[in-house]
N, C-alpha and C. Protein backbone atom coordinates (compact mmCIF):
# COMPACT_ATOMS: atom_id res chain seq x y z
N MET A 1 43.94 87.71 -84.48
CA MET A 1 43.42 86.29 -84.80
C MET A 1 44.19 85.58 -85.77
N GLU A 2 44.41 84.56 -85.79
CA GLU A 2 45.18 83.85 -86.87
C GLU A 2 44.53 81.89 -86.77
N ARG A 3 44.48 81.41 -87.87
CA ARG A 3 44.13 80.09 -87.96
C ARG A 3 45.74 79.31 -88.68
N ALA A 4 45.89 78.06 -88.10
CA ALA A 4 46.66 77.39 -88.55
C ALA A 4 46.42 76.18 -88.63
N GLU A 5 46.83 75.35 -89.80
CA GLU A 5 47.23 73.71 -89.89
C GLU A 5 48.22 73.02 -89.63
N ILE A 6 48.45 72.48 -88.44
CA ILE A 6 49.70 71.87 -88.12
C ILE A 6 49.44 70.20 -88.42
N ILE A 7 50.70 70.01 -88.93
CA ILE A 7 50.92 68.39 -89.41
C ILE A 7 51.86 67.54 -88.69
N ALA A 8 51.76 66.42 -87.73
CA ALA A 8 52.97 66.09 -87.17
C ALA A 8 53.40 65.08 -87.69
N ASN A 9 54.21 64.61 -88.24
CA ASN A 9 54.86 63.29 -89.00
C ASN A 9 55.73 62.56 -87.96
N GLY A 10 55.87 61.12 -87.81
CA GLY A 10 56.64 60.14 -87.10
C GLY A 10 55.83 59.58 -86.01
N LEU A 11 56.27 59.15 -85.20
CA LEU A 11 55.49 57.92 -84.29
C LEU A 11 55.07 59.00 -83.48
N VAL A 12 53.82 59.47 -83.64
CA VAL A 12 52.73 60.42 -83.37
C VAL A 12 51.08 59.42 -83.25
N GLN A 13 51.06 58.39 -83.56
CA GLN A 13 49.79 57.68 -82.88
C GLN A 13 50.17 56.74 -82.13
N GLY A 14 48.98 56.56 -81.12
CA GLY A 14 49.03 55.17 -80.12
C GLY A 14 50.23 55.61 -78.75
N VAL A 15 50.33 57.09 -79.03
CA VAL A 15 51.32 57.37 -77.44
C VAL A 15 50.87 58.67 -77.18
N GLY A 16 49.43 58.71 -77.03
CA GLY A 16 48.92 59.52 -76.22
C GLY A 16 49.05 61.11 -77.18
N PHE A 17 49.39 61.18 -78.30
CA PHE A 17 49.69 62.39 -78.79
C PHE A 17 48.44 63.51 -79.01
N ARG A 18 47.62 63.29 -79.19
CA ARG A 18 46.29 63.74 -79.09
C ARG A 18 46.08 64.56 -77.91
N TYR A 19 46.22 63.70 -76.98
CA TYR A 19 46.09 64.14 -75.67
C TYR A 19 46.73 65.18 -75.13
N TYR A 20 47.88 64.98 -75.52
CA TYR A 20 48.98 65.84 -75.26
C TYR A 20 48.64 67.58 -75.95
N VAL A 21 48.65 67.01 -77.05
CA VAL A 21 47.90 68.43 -77.83
C VAL A 21 46.68 69.05 -77.18
N LEU A 22 45.52 68.05 -76.87
CA LEU A 22 44.65 68.56 -76.35
C LEU A 22 44.90 69.51 -75.11
N ARG A 23 45.45 68.86 -74.07
CA ARG A 23 46.23 69.80 -73.29
C ARG A 23 46.74 70.98 -73.33
N ALA A 24 47.88 70.82 -74.34
CA ALA A 24 48.57 72.18 -74.57
C ALA A 24 47.25 73.41 -75.08
N GLY A 25 46.63 73.00 -76.08
CA GLY A 25 45.62 73.71 -76.61
C GLY A 25 44.75 74.17 -75.74
N ARG A 26 43.96 73.45 -74.79
CA ARG A 26 43.36 74.12 -74.03
C ARG A 26 43.97 74.81 -72.83
N ASP A 27 45.38 74.85 -72.39
CA ASP A 27 45.98 75.36 -71.40
C ASP A 27 46.46 76.98 -72.08
N LEU A 28 46.63 76.82 -73.17
CA LEU A 28 46.98 78.19 -73.85
C LEU A 28 45.71 79.16 -74.33
N GLY A 29 44.31 78.34 -73.80
CA GLY A 29 43.03 78.91 -74.40
C GLY A 29 43.10 79.37 -75.97
N LEU A 30 43.27 77.99 -76.96
CA LEU A 30 43.14 78.23 -78.11
C LEU A 30 41.88 77.32 -78.43
N LYS A 31 41.30 77.09 -79.69
CA LYS A 31 40.24 76.81 -79.91
C LYS A 31 40.49 75.65 -81.36
N GLY A 32 39.95 74.87 -81.57
CA GLY A 32 40.13 74.05 -82.67
C GLY A 32 40.23 72.32 -82.44
N TYR A 33 40.60 71.90 -83.24
CA TYR A 33 40.55 70.28 -82.83
C TYR A 33 42.27 69.69 -83.21
N THR A 34 42.16 68.61 -82.66
CA THR A 34 43.39 67.39 -83.23
C THR A 34 42.72 66.18 -83.55
N GLN A 35 43.48 65.50 -84.73
CA GLN A 35 42.89 64.36 -84.96
C GLN A 35 43.96 63.29 -85.97
N ASN A 36 43.98 62.09 -85.65
CA ASN A 36 44.65 61.15 -86.58
C ASN A 36 44.32 61.04 -88.19
N LEU A 37 45.19 61.05 -88.57
CA LEU A 37 45.06 61.30 -90.21
C LEU A 37 45.51 59.43 -90.51
N TYR A 38 44.89 58.80 -91.62
CA TYR A 38 44.76 57.69 -91.95
C TYR A 38 46.36 57.36 -92.50
N SER A 39 46.95 58.68 -93.09
CA SER A 39 48.68 58.86 -93.36
C SER A 39 49.52 58.08 -92.13
N GLY A 40 48.54 58.04 -90.68
CA GLY A 40 49.57 58.07 -89.71
C GLY A 40 50.34 59.47 -89.03
N GLU A 41 49.79 60.27 -89.83
CA GLU A 41 50.38 61.67 -89.17
C GLU A 41 49.14 62.28 -88.16
N VAL A 42 49.45 63.05 -87.15
CA VAL A 42 48.36 63.86 -86.41
C VAL A 42 47.67 65.30 -87.14
N LEU A 43 46.87 65.56 -87.63
CA LEU A 43 46.49 67.10 -87.89
C LEU A 43 45.69 67.74 -86.47
N THR A 44 46.52 68.77 -86.69
CA THR A 44 45.88 69.98 -85.34
C THR A 44 45.23 71.40 -86.32
N VAL A 45 43.84 71.70 -86.11
CA VAL A 45 43.78 72.76 -86.84
C VAL A 45 43.21 73.72 -85.55
N VAL A 46 44.13 74.86 -85.65
CA VAL A 46 43.88 75.89 -84.61
C VAL A 46 43.79 77.24 -84.85
N GLU A 47 42.81 77.90 -84.14
CA GLU A 47 42.70 79.48 -84.00
C GLU A 47 42.95 80.13 -82.79
N GLY A 48 43.14 81.02 -82.56
CA GLY A 48 43.71 81.92 -81.53
C GLY A 48 44.92 82.95 -82.11
N GLU A 49 45.47 83.81 -81.06
CA GLU A 49 46.48 84.63 -81.23
C GLU A 49 47.45 83.64 -82.09
N ARG A 50 48.61 84.62 -82.83
CA ARG A 50 49.34 84.14 -83.27
C ARG A 50 50.91 83.31 -82.42
N TYR A 51 51.11 84.14 -81.38
CA TYR A 51 52.06 84.03 -80.47
C TYR A 51 51.59 82.68 -79.69
N LEU A 52 50.50 82.31 -79.44
CA LEU A 52 50.09 81.10 -78.79
C LEU A 52 49.73 80.03 -79.70
N ILE A 53 49.82 79.97 -80.89
CA ILE A 53 49.55 79.12 -81.79
C ILE A 53 51.04 78.77 -81.94
N GLU A 54 52.20 79.60 -82.03
CA GLU A 54 53.37 79.44 -82.36
C GLU A 54 53.97 78.23 -80.91
N GLU A 55 53.41 78.77 -79.95
CA GLU A 55 53.78 78.14 -78.66
C GLU A 55 53.25 76.82 -78.63
N LEU A 56 51.98 76.43 -79.14
CA LEU A 56 51.69 74.77 -79.22
C LEU A 56 52.35 74.14 -80.33
N PHE A 57 52.64 75.35 -81.25
CA PHE A 57 53.65 74.60 -82.65
C PHE A 57 55.15 74.17 -81.76
N ASN A 58 55.71 74.72 -81.00
CA ASN A 58 56.75 74.28 -80.27
C ASN A 58 56.60 73.04 -79.38
N LYS A 59 55.45 72.90 -78.80
CA LYS A 59 54.96 71.83 -77.75
C LYS A 59 54.88 70.37 -78.73
N ILE A 60 54.31 70.70 -79.81
CA ILE A 60 54.01 69.69 -80.66
C ILE A 60 55.29 68.96 -81.57
N LYS A 61 55.93 70.08 -81.89
CA LYS A 61 57.36 69.83 -82.06
C LYS A 61 58.36 68.66 -81.09
N LEU A 62 57.95 69.25 -79.85
CA LEU A 62 58.64 68.17 -78.95
C LEU A 62 57.50 67.03 -78.59
N GLY A 63 56.21 67.02 -78.19
CA GLY A 63 55.69 65.70 -77.91
C GLY A 63 55.37 65.18 -76.87
N PRO A 64 54.83 64.03 -76.38
CA PRO A 64 54.94 63.59 -75.44
C PRO A 64 56.03 62.10 -75.25
N PRO A 65 56.06 62.10 -74.16
CA PRO A 65 57.48 61.39 -73.88
C PRO A 65 57.61 59.72 -74.82
N TYR A 66 56.82 59.47 -75.30
CA TYR A 66 56.79 57.92 -75.86
C TYR A 66 56.51 58.65 -77.66
N ALA A 67 56.44 59.70 -78.00
CA ALA A 67 56.37 60.07 -79.20
C ALA A 67 57.49 60.49 -79.88
N ASP A 68 57.98 60.23 -81.65
CA ASP A 68 59.14 60.47 -81.88
C ASP A 68 58.53 61.43 -82.97
N VAL A 69 58.75 62.61 -82.93
CA VAL A 69 58.39 63.80 -83.69
C VAL A 69 59.20 63.97 -84.52
N ARG A 70 59.28 63.60 -85.94
CA ARG A 70 60.36 63.62 -86.83
C ARG A 70 60.16 64.68 -87.73
N LYS A 71 58.81 65.50 -88.12
CA LYS A 71 58.47 66.44 -88.64
C LYS A 71 57.41 67.23 -88.84
N VAL A 72 57.38 68.38 -88.66
CA VAL A 72 56.25 69.21 -88.36
C VAL A 72 56.01 70.54 -89.39
N SER A 73 54.65 70.44 -89.82
CA SER A 73 54.66 71.62 -90.75
C SER A 73 53.60 72.46 -89.93
N ILE A 74 53.21 73.92 -90.53
CA ILE A 74 52.31 74.74 -90.64
C ILE A 74 51.87 75.42 -91.41
N LYS A 75 50.65 75.89 -91.95
CA LYS A 75 50.28 76.26 -92.65
C LYS A 75 49.18 77.51 -92.14
N TRP A 76 49.33 78.86 -92.09
CA TRP A 76 48.68 79.56 -92.06
C TRP A 76 47.72 80.57 -92.67
N SER A 77 46.42 80.72 -92.00
CA SER A 77 45.36 81.23 -92.59
C SER A 77 44.57 82.20 -92.08
N ALA A 78 43.56 82.80 -92.88
CA ALA A 78 42.80 83.65 -92.12
C ALA A 78 41.81 82.75 -91.08
N PRO A 79 41.41 83.48 -89.99
CA PRO A 79 40.24 82.55 -88.95
C PRO A 79 38.97 82.42 -89.75
N GLN A 80 38.58 81.42 -89.42
CA GLN A 80 37.07 81.43 -89.74
C GLN A 80 36.02 81.21 -88.49
N ASN A 81 36.72 81.40 -87.27
CA ASN A 81 35.45 81.56 -86.09
C ASN A 81 35.06 80.51 -85.82
N GLU A 82 35.01 79.09 -86.51
CA GLU A 82 34.17 78.09 -86.44
C GLU A 82 34.21 77.50 -85.28
N PHE A 83 34.74 76.88 -84.23
CA PHE A 83 35.25 76.56 -82.84
C PHE A 83 34.78 77.30 -81.69
N ASN A 84 34.17 76.73 -80.79
CA ASN A 84 33.90 76.99 -79.34
C ASN A 84 34.89 76.34 -78.41
N THR A 85 35.55 75.26 -78.55
CA THR A 85 35.96 74.76 -77.61
C THR A 85 37.82 74.30 -78.61
N PHE A 86 38.61 73.35 -77.76
CA PHE A 86 39.59 72.76 -78.43
C PHE A 86 39.18 71.17 -77.84
N GLU A 87 39.13 70.53 -79.18
CA GLU A 87 38.71 68.97 -79.06
C GLU A 87 39.52 67.80 -79.52
N ILE A 88 39.02 66.62 -79.19
CA ILE A 88 39.85 65.46 -80.02
C ILE A 88 38.61 65.07 -81.19
N LYS A 89 38.99 65.40 -82.50
CA LYS A 89 38.07 64.74 -83.63
C LYS A 89 38.42 63.05 -83.47
N HIS A 90 37.40 62.37 -83.55
CA HIS A 90 37.43 61.32 -84.27
C HIS A 90 37.07 60.86 -85.52
């Protein structure tokens, strides 16, 4: 098990980005959340198997059709087992 914080930068708000990440995260069986940041970026905090998180990271790099993802960063850490589901945080 791993934990990752993923930050997506570019045109990632107002284009269905969080719902795209939500579906992808749930489809992969990951736990955590995704949320808009005041900076205009989208933060995703996720826990699960490393290869599944890497798959989500690759999907985030692509983004949904109307998004224009310019930069994505990932920071790995030890899991804290604080999530039961994958959700959108408001």
